[in-house]
Every structure is written in C-alpha cells, then in structure tokens.
N, C-alpha and C. Protein backbone atom coordinates (compact mmCIF):
# COMPACT_ATOMS: atom_id res chain seq x y z
N MET A 1 -1.57 -31.38 -17.28
CA MET A 1 -2.86 -30.69 -17.21
C MET A 1 -3.03 -29.90 -18.50
N VAL A 2 -4.16 -30.04 -19.11
CA VAL A 2 -4.45 -29.32 -20.35
C VAL A 2 -5.36 -28.13 -20.06
N GLY A 3 -5.59 -27.31 -21.07
CA GLY A 3 -6.37 -26.09 -20.91
C GLY A 3 -7.76 -26.31 -20.34
N THR A 4 -8.39 -27.41 -20.69
CA THR A 4 -9.74 -27.66 -20.17
C THR A 4 -9.71 -27.92 -18.67
N ASP A 5 -8.62 -28.50 -18.19
CA ASP A 5 -8.50 -28.72 -16.74
C ASP A 5 -8.42 -27.38 -16.00
N GLY A 6 -7.69 -26.44 -16.58
CA GLY A 6 -7.60 -25.11 -15.98
C GLY A 6 -8.95 -24.42 -15.94
N GLY A 7 -9.71 -24.57 -17.03
CA GLY A 7 -11.05 -24.00 -17.06
C GLY A 7 -11.96 -24.63 -16.03
N ALA A 8 -11.82 -25.94 -15.85
CA ALA A 8 -12.61 -26.63 -14.83
C ALA A 8 -12.25 -26.15 -13.43
N LEU A 9 -10.96 -25.92 -13.19
CA LEU A 9 -10.54 -25.41 -11.88
C LEU A 9 -11.07 -23.99 -11.63
N ILE A 10 -11.07 -23.16 -12.67
CA ILE A 10 -11.63 -21.81 -12.52
C ILE A 10 -13.12 -21.91 -12.22
N GLY A 11 -13.82 -22.76 -12.97
CA GLY A 11 -15.25 -22.94 -12.72
C GLY A 11 -15.54 -23.44 -11.32
N MET A 12 -14.72 -24.38 -10.84
CA MET A 12 -14.90 -24.89 -9.48
C MET A 12 -14.66 -23.79 -8.44
N ALA A 13 -13.61 -23.01 -8.64
CA ALA A 13 -13.30 -21.93 -7.70
C ALA A 13 -14.43 -20.90 -7.66
N VAL A 14 -14.96 -20.56 -8.83
CA VAL A 14 -16.07 -19.60 -8.92
C VAL A 14 -17.30 -20.16 -8.20
N ALA A 15 -17.61 -21.43 -8.45
CA ALA A 15 -18.77 -22.06 -7.81
C ALA A 15 -18.61 -22.12 -6.30
N LEU A 16 -17.41 -22.44 -5.83
CA LEU A 16 -17.18 -22.52 -4.38
C LEU A 16 -17.31 -21.15 -3.72
N LEU A 17 -16.82 -20.11 -4.39
CA LEU A 17 -16.94 -18.76 -3.83
C LEU A 17 -18.41 -18.35 -3.72
N VAL A 18 -19.20 -18.69 -4.73
CA VAL A 18 -20.63 -18.37 -4.69
C VAL A 18 -21.33 -19.19 -3.61
N LEU A 19 -21.03 -20.48 -3.55
CA LEU A 19 -21.70 -21.36 -2.58
C LEU A 19 -21.37 -21.02 -1.13
N PHE A 20 -20.09 -20.81 -0.85
CA PHE A 20 -19.68 -20.63 0.54
C PHE A 20 -19.63 -19.17 0.99
N ASN A 21 -19.57 -18.25 0.04
CA ASN A 21 -19.42 -16.84 0.41
C ASN A 21 -20.48 -15.95 -0.21
N ALA A 22 -21.29 -16.49 -1.10
CA ALA A 22 -22.32 -15.72 -1.82
C ALA A 22 -21.73 -14.50 -2.51
N ARG A 23 -20.54 -14.68 -3.07
CA ARG A 23 -19.84 -13.59 -3.77
C ARG A 23 -19.50 -14.01 -5.19
N ILE A 24 -19.43 -13.03 -6.08
CA ILE A 24 -19.04 -13.24 -7.46
C ILE A 24 -17.53 -13.03 -7.57
N ALA A 25 -16.86 -13.92 -8.30
CA ALA A 25 -15.40 -13.85 -8.42
C ALA A 25 -14.97 -12.90 -9.53
N GLY A 26 -15.35 -11.65 -9.42
CA GLY A 26 -14.89 -10.61 -10.33
C GLY A 26 -13.66 -9.95 -9.73
N ILE A 27 -12.53 -10.12 -10.36
CA ILE A 27 -11.26 -9.68 -9.78
C ILE A 27 -11.23 -8.17 -9.55
N SER A 28 -11.73 -7.40 -10.50
CA SER A 28 -11.70 -5.94 -10.31
C SER A 28 -12.55 -5.52 -9.11
N GLY A 29 -13.68 -6.18 -8.92
CA GLY A 29 -14.53 -5.87 -7.77
C GLY A 29 -13.90 -6.31 -6.45
N ILE A 30 -13.23 -7.45 -6.48
CA ILE A 30 -12.58 -7.95 -5.27
C ILE A 30 -11.43 -7.03 -4.87
N VAL A 31 -10.59 -6.68 -5.82
CA VAL A 31 -9.47 -5.78 -5.53
C VAL A 31 -9.98 -4.38 -5.18
N GLY A 32 -10.97 -3.89 -5.92
CA GLY A 32 -11.54 -2.57 -5.62
C GLY A 32 -12.11 -2.50 -4.22
N GLY A 33 -12.73 -3.60 -3.77
CA GLY A 33 -13.28 -3.65 -2.42
C GLY A 33 -12.23 -3.58 -1.33
N LEU A 34 -11.00 -3.92 -1.66
CA LEU A 34 -9.91 -3.81 -0.67
C LEU A 34 -9.65 -2.35 -0.30
N PHE A 35 -9.95 -1.46 -1.22
CA PHE A 35 -9.72 -0.05 -0.98
C PHE A 35 -10.92 0.65 -0.35
N GLY A 36 -12.05 -0.05 -0.29
CA GLY A 36 -13.25 0.52 0.31
C GLY A 36 -13.25 0.44 1.83
N MET A 37 -12.44 -0.45 2.37
CA MET A 37 -12.29 -0.63 3.82
C MET A 37 -13.61 -0.83 4.55
N GLN A 38 -14.44 -1.74 4.05
CA GLN A 38 -15.68 -2.07 4.73
C GLN A 38 -15.39 -3.15 5.76
N LYS A 39 -15.81 -2.93 7.00
CA LYS A 39 -15.56 -3.91 8.05
C LYS A 39 -16.26 -5.22 7.74
N GLY A 40 -15.60 -6.32 8.06
CA GLY A 40 -16.18 -7.63 7.87
C GLY A 40 -16.16 -8.12 6.43
N ASP A 41 -15.64 -7.31 5.53
CA ASP A 41 -15.64 -7.66 4.11
C ASP A 41 -14.22 -7.79 3.56
N MET A 42 -13.24 -7.72 4.44
CA MET A 42 -11.86 -7.69 3.98
C MET A 42 -11.20 -9.07 3.94
N ASN A 43 -11.50 -9.92 4.92
CA ASN A 43 -10.76 -11.18 5.07
C ASN A 43 -10.87 -12.07 3.84
N TRP A 44 -12.06 -12.25 3.31
CA TRP A 44 -12.21 -13.12 2.15
C TRP A 44 -11.53 -12.53 0.93
N ARG A 45 -11.54 -11.19 0.82
CA ARG A 45 -10.89 -10.53 -0.32
C ARG A 45 -9.38 -10.74 -0.26
N VAL A 46 -8.81 -10.55 0.92
CA VAL A 46 -7.37 -10.75 1.10
C VAL A 46 -7.00 -12.20 0.82
N ALA A 47 -7.81 -13.14 1.32
CA ALA A 47 -7.55 -14.56 1.11
C ALA A 47 -7.63 -14.92 -0.38
N PHE A 48 -8.60 -14.34 -1.10
CA PHE A 48 -8.75 -14.61 -2.52
C PHE A 48 -7.53 -14.12 -3.30
N ILE A 49 -7.12 -12.88 -3.04
CA ILE A 49 -5.94 -12.31 -3.73
C ILE A 49 -4.69 -13.09 -3.36
N ALA A 50 -4.55 -13.47 -2.08
CA ALA A 50 -3.39 -14.26 -1.65
C ALA A 50 -3.36 -15.59 -2.40
N GLY A 51 -4.54 -16.19 -2.63
CA GLY A 51 -4.60 -17.42 -3.39
C GLY A 51 -4.16 -17.24 -4.83
N LEU A 52 -4.52 -16.11 -5.43
CA LEU A 52 -4.08 -15.83 -6.79
C LEU A 52 -2.56 -15.71 -6.88
N VAL A 53 -1.98 -15.10 -5.87
CA VAL A 53 -0.52 -14.92 -5.84
C VAL A 53 0.16 -16.25 -5.50
N ALA A 54 -0.41 -17.02 -4.58
CA ALA A 54 0.22 -18.26 -4.12
C ALA A 54 0.10 -19.40 -5.13
N ALA A 55 -0.92 -19.41 -5.95
CA ALA A 55 -1.16 -20.53 -6.87
C ALA A 55 0.05 -20.86 -7.75
N PRO A 56 0.67 -19.88 -8.42
CA PRO A 56 1.84 -20.26 -9.23
C PRO A 56 3.02 -20.73 -8.38
N LEU A 57 3.12 -20.23 -7.16
CA LEU A 57 4.20 -20.67 -6.28
C LEU A 57 4.01 -22.14 -5.89
N VAL A 58 2.77 -22.52 -5.61
CA VAL A 58 2.47 -23.92 -5.29
C VAL A 58 2.66 -24.79 -6.54
N TRP A 59 2.21 -24.29 -7.68
CA TRP A 59 2.35 -25.03 -8.94
C TRP A 59 3.82 -25.38 -9.18
N GLN A 60 4.71 -24.44 -8.88
CA GLN A 60 6.14 -24.62 -9.11
C GLN A 60 6.71 -25.78 -8.30
N LEU A 61 6.06 -26.17 -7.24
CA LEU A 61 6.52 -27.31 -6.44
C LEU A 61 6.36 -28.62 -7.20
N PHE A 62 5.43 -28.67 -8.15
CA PHE A 62 5.11 -29.90 -8.85
C PHE A 62 5.50 -29.90 -10.33
N ALA A 63 5.58 -28.74 -10.93
CA ALA A 63 5.91 -28.65 -12.35
C ALA A 63 6.52 -27.28 -12.63
N SER A 64 7.18 -27.18 -13.77
CA SER A 64 7.77 -25.88 -14.10
C SER A 64 6.69 -24.96 -14.66
N LEU A 65 6.86 -23.69 -14.39
CA LEU A 65 5.93 -22.69 -14.91
C LEU A 65 6.23 -22.44 -16.39
N PRO A 66 5.22 -22.11 -17.17
CA PRO A 66 5.49 -21.80 -18.57
C PRO A 66 6.31 -20.51 -18.68
N ALA A 67 7.05 -20.41 -19.75
CA ALA A 67 7.86 -19.22 -19.98
C ALA A 67 6.95 -18.01 -20.21
N VAL A 68 7.33 -16.89 -19.65
CA VAL A 68 6.57 -15.65 -19.83
C VAL A 68 7.35 -14.76 -20.79
N ARG A 69 6.66 -14.30 -21.81
CA ARG A 69 7.30 -13.42 -22.79
C ARG A 69 6.42 -12.20 -22.98
N ILE A 70 6.95 -11.05 -22.68
CA ILE A 70 6.21 -9.80 -22.83
C ILE A 70 6.97 -8.95 -23.83
N ASP A 71 6.34 -8.65 -24.94
CA ASP A 71 7.00 -7.91 -26.00
C ASP A 71 6.81 -6.40 -25.90
N GLY A 72 5.85 -5.96 -25.10
CA GLY A 72 5.58 -4.53 -24.98
C GLY A 72 6.52 -3.85 -24.00
N SER A 73 6.69 -2.58 -24.17
CA SER A 73 7.51 -1.80 -23.25
C SER A 73 6.73 -1.53 -21.97
N TYR A 74 7.42 -1.04 -20.95
CA TYR A 74 6.73 -0.70 -19.71
C TYR A 74 5.68 0.39 -19.94
N ALA A 75 5.98 1.33 -20.83
CA ALA A 75 5.03 2.40 -21.12
C ALA A 75 3.76 1.84 -21.75
N VAL A 76 3.92 0.92 -22.71
CA VAL A 76 2.76 0.31 -23.37
C VAL A 76 1.95 -0.48 -22.35
N MET A 77 2.63 -1.23 -21.48
CA MET A 77 1.91 -2.01 -20.47
C MET A 77 1.18 -1.11 -19.48
N ALA A 78 1.80 0.01 -19.10
CA ALA A 78 1.15 0.93 -18.17
C ALA A 78 -0.10 1.55 -18.80
N ILE A 79 0.01 1.95 -20.05
CA ILE A 79 -1.15 2.53 -20.76
C ILE A 79 -2.24 1.48 -20.92
N ALA A 80 -1.85 0.26 -21.28
CA ALA A 80 -2.84 -0.82 -21.43
C ALA A 80 -3.54 -1.10 -20.11
N GLY A 81 -2.80 -1.13 -19.03
CA GLY A 81 -3.40 -1.35 -17.71
C GLY A 81 -4.37 -0.26 -17.34
N LEU A 82 -4.02 0.98 -17.65
CA LEU A 82 -4.90 2.11 -17.38
C LEU A 82 -6.18 2.01 -18.19
N VAL A 83 -6.06 1.67 -19.46
CA VAL A 83 -7.23 1.54 -20.33
C VAL A 83 -8.13 0.40 -19.84
N VAL A 84 -7.53 -0.71 -19.45
CA VAL A 84 -8.31 -1.84 -18.93
C VAL A 84 -9.03 -1.43 -17.64
N GLY A 85 -8.32 -0.73 -16.76
CA GLY A 85 -8.94 -0.27 -15.51
C GLY A 85 -10.12 0.65 -15.76
N ILE A 86 -9.97 1.57 -16.69
CA ILE A 86 -11.08 2.46 -17.05
C ILE A 86 -12.24 1.66 -17.62
N GLY A 87 -11.91 0.68 -18.47
CA GLY A 87 -12.95 -0.16 -19.07
C GLY A 87 -13.73 -0.97 -18.05
N THR A 88 -13.03 -1.46 -17.01
CA THR A 88 -13.75 -2.23 -15.99
C THR A 88 -14.68 -1.36 -15.19
N ARG A 89 -14.34 -0.11 -15.03
CA ARG A 89 -15.23 0.82 -14.33
C ARG A 89 -16.45 1.14 -15.18
N TYR A 90 -16.22 1.46 -16.46
CA TYR A 90 -17.35 1.75 -17.35
C TYR A 90 -18.25 0.54 -17.56
N GLY A 91 -17.64 -0.66 -17.62
CA GLY A 91 -18.40 -1.88 -17.86
C GLY A 91 -18.95 -2.52 -16.60
N SER A 92 -18.72 -1.88 -15.45
CA SER A 92 -19.17 -2.41 -14.15
C SER A 92 -18.67 -3.82 -13.90
N GLY A 93 -17.44 -4.07 -14.28
CA GLY A 93 -16.84 -5.38 -14.04
C GLY A 93 -15.82 -5.74 -15.09
N CYS A 94 -15.13 -6.84 -14.82
CA CYS A 94 -14.05 -7.28 -15.69
C CYS A 94 -14.41 -8.59 -16.36
N THR A 95 -13.45 -9.16 -17.08
CA THR A 95 -13.69 -10.40 -17.81
C THR A 95 -14.02 -11.55 -16.87
N SER A 96 -13.42 -11.58 -15.70
CA SER A 96 -13.73 -12.67 -14.78
C SER A 96 -15.13 -12.52 -14.20
N GLY A 97 -15.53 -11.31 -13.89
CA GLY A 97 -16.86 -11.09 -13.34
C GLY A 97 -17.96 -11.31 -14.35
N HIS A 98 -17.80 -10.69 -15.52
CA HIS A 98 -18.83 -10.82 -16.56
C HIS A 98 -18.65 -12.10 -17.38
N GLY A 99 -17.41 -12.33 -17.85
CA GLY A 99 -17.17 -13.44 -18.77
C GLY A 99 -17.27 -14.81 -18.15
N VAL A 100 -16.84 -14.96 -16.90
CA VAL A 100 -16.88 -16.27 -16.26
C VAL A 100 -18.14 -16.40 -15.40
N CYS A 101 -18.30 -15.49 -14.46
CA CYS A 101 -19.41 -15.62 -13.51
C CYS A 101 -20.75 -15.20 -14.13
N GLY A 102 -20.76 -14.09 -14.81
CA GLY A 102 -22.02 -13.58 -15.36
C GLY A 102 -22.59 -14.46 -16.45
N LEU A 103 -21.73 -14.94 -17.36
CA LEU A 103 -22.21 -15.82 -18.42
C LEU A 103 -22.74 -17.13 -17.86
N SER A 104 -22.06 -17.66 -16.85
CA SER A 104 -22.52 -18.94 -16.28
C SER A 104 -23.86 -18.79 -15.55
N ARG A 105 -24.17 -17.57 -15.11
CA ARG A 105 -25.47 -17.32 -14.47
C ARG A 105 -26.53 -16.91 -15.47
N GLY A 106 -26.13 -16.73 -16.72
CA GLY A 106 -27.08 -16.32 -17.75
C GLY A 106 -27.49 -14.86 -17.65
N SER A 107 -26.63 -14.04 -17.08
CA SER A 107 -26.93 -12.62 -16.90
C SER A 107 -26.90 -11.88 -18.24
N LEU A 108 -28.01 -11.26 -18.62
CA LEU A 108 -28.08 -10.52 -19.87
C LEU A 108 -27.06 -9.38 -19.88
N ARG A 109 -26.93 -8.68 -18.75
CA ARG A 109 -25.95 -7.59 -18.65
C ARG A 109 -24.54 -8.10 -18.92
N SER A 110 -24.21 -9.28 -18.39
CA SER A 110 -22.88 -9.85 -18.60
C SER A 110 -22.69 -10.33 -20.03
N ILE A 111 -23.74 -10.86 -20.64
CA ILE A 111 -23.65 -11.28 -22.04
C ILE A 111 -23.34 -10.07 -22.91
N ILE A 112 -24.06 -8.98 -22.69
CA ILE A 112 -23.84 -7.75 -23.46
C ILE A 112 -22.44 -7.20 -23.20
N ALA A 113 -22.03 -7.17 -21.93
CA ALA A 113 -20.70 -6.65 -21.58
C ALA A 113 -19.61 -7.50 -22.22
N THR A 114 -19.74 -8.82 -22.17
CA THR A 114 -18.73 -9.71 -22.75
C THR A 114 -18.66 -9.53 -24.27
N LEU A 115 -19.80 -9.45 -24.92
CA LEU A 115 -19.80 -9.19 -26.36
C LEU A 115 -19.15 -7.85 -26.68
N ALA A 116 -19.41 -6.85 -25.84
CA ALA A 116 -18.83 -5.52 -26.07
C ALA A 116 -17.31 -5.54 -25.90
N PHE A 117 -16.80 -6.13 -24.82
CA PHE A 117 -15.34 -6.06 -24.68
C PHE A 117 -14.62 -7.02 -25.60
N MET A 118 -15.22 -8.14 -25.98
CA MET A 118 -14.58 -9.02 -26.95
C MET A 118 -14.57 -8.35 -28.34
N GLY A 119 -15.69 -7.75 -28.71
CA GLY A 119 -15.76 -7.05 -30.00
C GLY A 119 -14.82 -5.88 -30.06
N THR A 120 -14.73 -5.12 -28.97
CA THR A 120 -13.82 -3.97 -28.93
C THR A 120 -12.37 -4.43 -29.01
N GLY A 121 -12.05 -5.53 -28.33
CA GLY A 121 -10.69 -6.08 -28.39
C GLY A 121 -10.33 -6.51 -29.80
N LEU A 122 -11.24 -7.21 -30.46
CA LEU A 122 -10.99 -7.64 -31.83
C LEU A 122 -10.80 -6.44 -32.76
N ALA A 123 -11.67 -5.46 -32.63
CA ALA A 123 -11.58 -4.27 -33.48
C ALA A 123 -10.29 -3.51 -33.22
N THR A 124 -9.88 -3.41 -31.96
CA THR A 124 -8.65 -2.70 -31.61
C THR A 124 -7.43 -3.37 -32.23
N VAL A 125 -7.36 -4.70 -32.10
CA VAL A 125 -6.23 -5.43 -32.68
C VAL A 125 -6.21 -5.27 -34.20
N TYR A 126 -7.37 -5.35 -34.82
CA TYR A 126 -7.43 -5.20 -36.27
C TYR A 126 -6.94 -3.82 -36.70
N VAL A 127 -7.44 -2.79 -36.05
CA VAL A 127 -7.07 -1.42 -36.44
C VAL A 127 -5.57 -1.18 -36.20
N ILE A 128 -5.07 -1.59 -35.04
CA ILE A 128 -3.65 -1.35 -34.73
C ILE A 128 -2.75 -2.11 -35.70
N ARG A 129 -3.09 -3.37 -35.97
CA ARG A 129 -2.20 -4.19 -36.80
C ARG A 129 -2.39 -4.00 -38.29
N HIS A 130 -3.63 -3.79 -38.75
CA HIS A 130 -3.87 -3.77 -40.18
C HIS A 130 -4.11 -2.39 -40.75
N VAL A 131 -4.61 -1.46 -39.96
CA VAL A 131 -4.82 -0.10 -40.47
C VAL A 131 -3.56 0.73 -40.22
N PHE A 132 -3.05 0.68 -38.98
CA PHE A 132 -1.84 1.45 -38.64
C PHE A 132 -0.56 0.65 -38.88
N ASN A 133 -0.69 -0.65 -39.19
CA ASN A 133 0.44 -1.53 -39.43
C ASN A 133 1.47 -1.46 -38.31
N PHE A 134 0.99 -1.48 -37.09
CA PHE A 134 1.84 -1.37 -35.91
C PHE A 134 1.80 -2.69 -35.16
N TRP A 135 2.93 -3.34 -35.02
CA TRP A 135 3.02 -4.63 -34.32
C TRP A 135 3.81 -4.43 -33.04
N ILE A 136 3.13 -4.58 -31.94
CA ILE A 136 3.80 -4.37 -30.62
C ILE A 136 4.63 -5.58 -30.29
C-alpha cells in the first residue's frame, strides 16, 4: 500500500462518517466531545476512537508496522502537545477537521485555518532551525 492508498482510505472514512452519521471527522472535536458527556452522542465517538487505536493492531496481522522514531524528549513532546491543543481551541478545530473535512467541503473558514496552521508550522520550523540553530 502506498501513500495515496492511505489518503483514499482517510477520504473514504471521512465520507462514510458524514453520510451515515452526519458528523465531521475532526479528531479534536470527537475527543473533546467525550468529555462533554452529552447523552446519545457518546457511542459513535467511542467507536471512532476505538477504531483509531485498533487500526494499527489489525494492520499488524497482515504486515509489519513502520519503525517509529521520536527524537524529542518527553518534555519537548509534552510542550508540543500542549501548544497543539491550545491551537486547536483557538482555531476551532484540528488538521483533520479543517485540513481533511473542511477543505473537501470547500469551507472558507477551513481554507483560512489550514493556511494559517501550515504557514505557522513552516515559520516555526524555519525560526527554530535557522535563526536559533536548534535541531530537536
């Protein structure tokens, strides 16, 4: 399976969630909704997250998983996670919600959000690596 196949599977999963559940597959919104405890809105969220966790386990039955290499320390990862979490709140969504679902729907808000977080990511990497000369 090549990268385009993975993209097609993501697109299919997003389309199926919209068709059968009338929901957008924004991971931050799905996980955030788990903490809202709204009746009748929990089962699909739990099933979606369970699918995210189960997918690599099922994949392992047929092929080996790619090697995972993380060069950052736990502190750097914790800070990065916190910054990403804050960004998803300010941006009213994450890359999956805006970048995958919103762009495919032609949402102007998602186009602007995606341009903003991609541009910010590029600028951050440039400043950290080339201005501060810091390689994590």
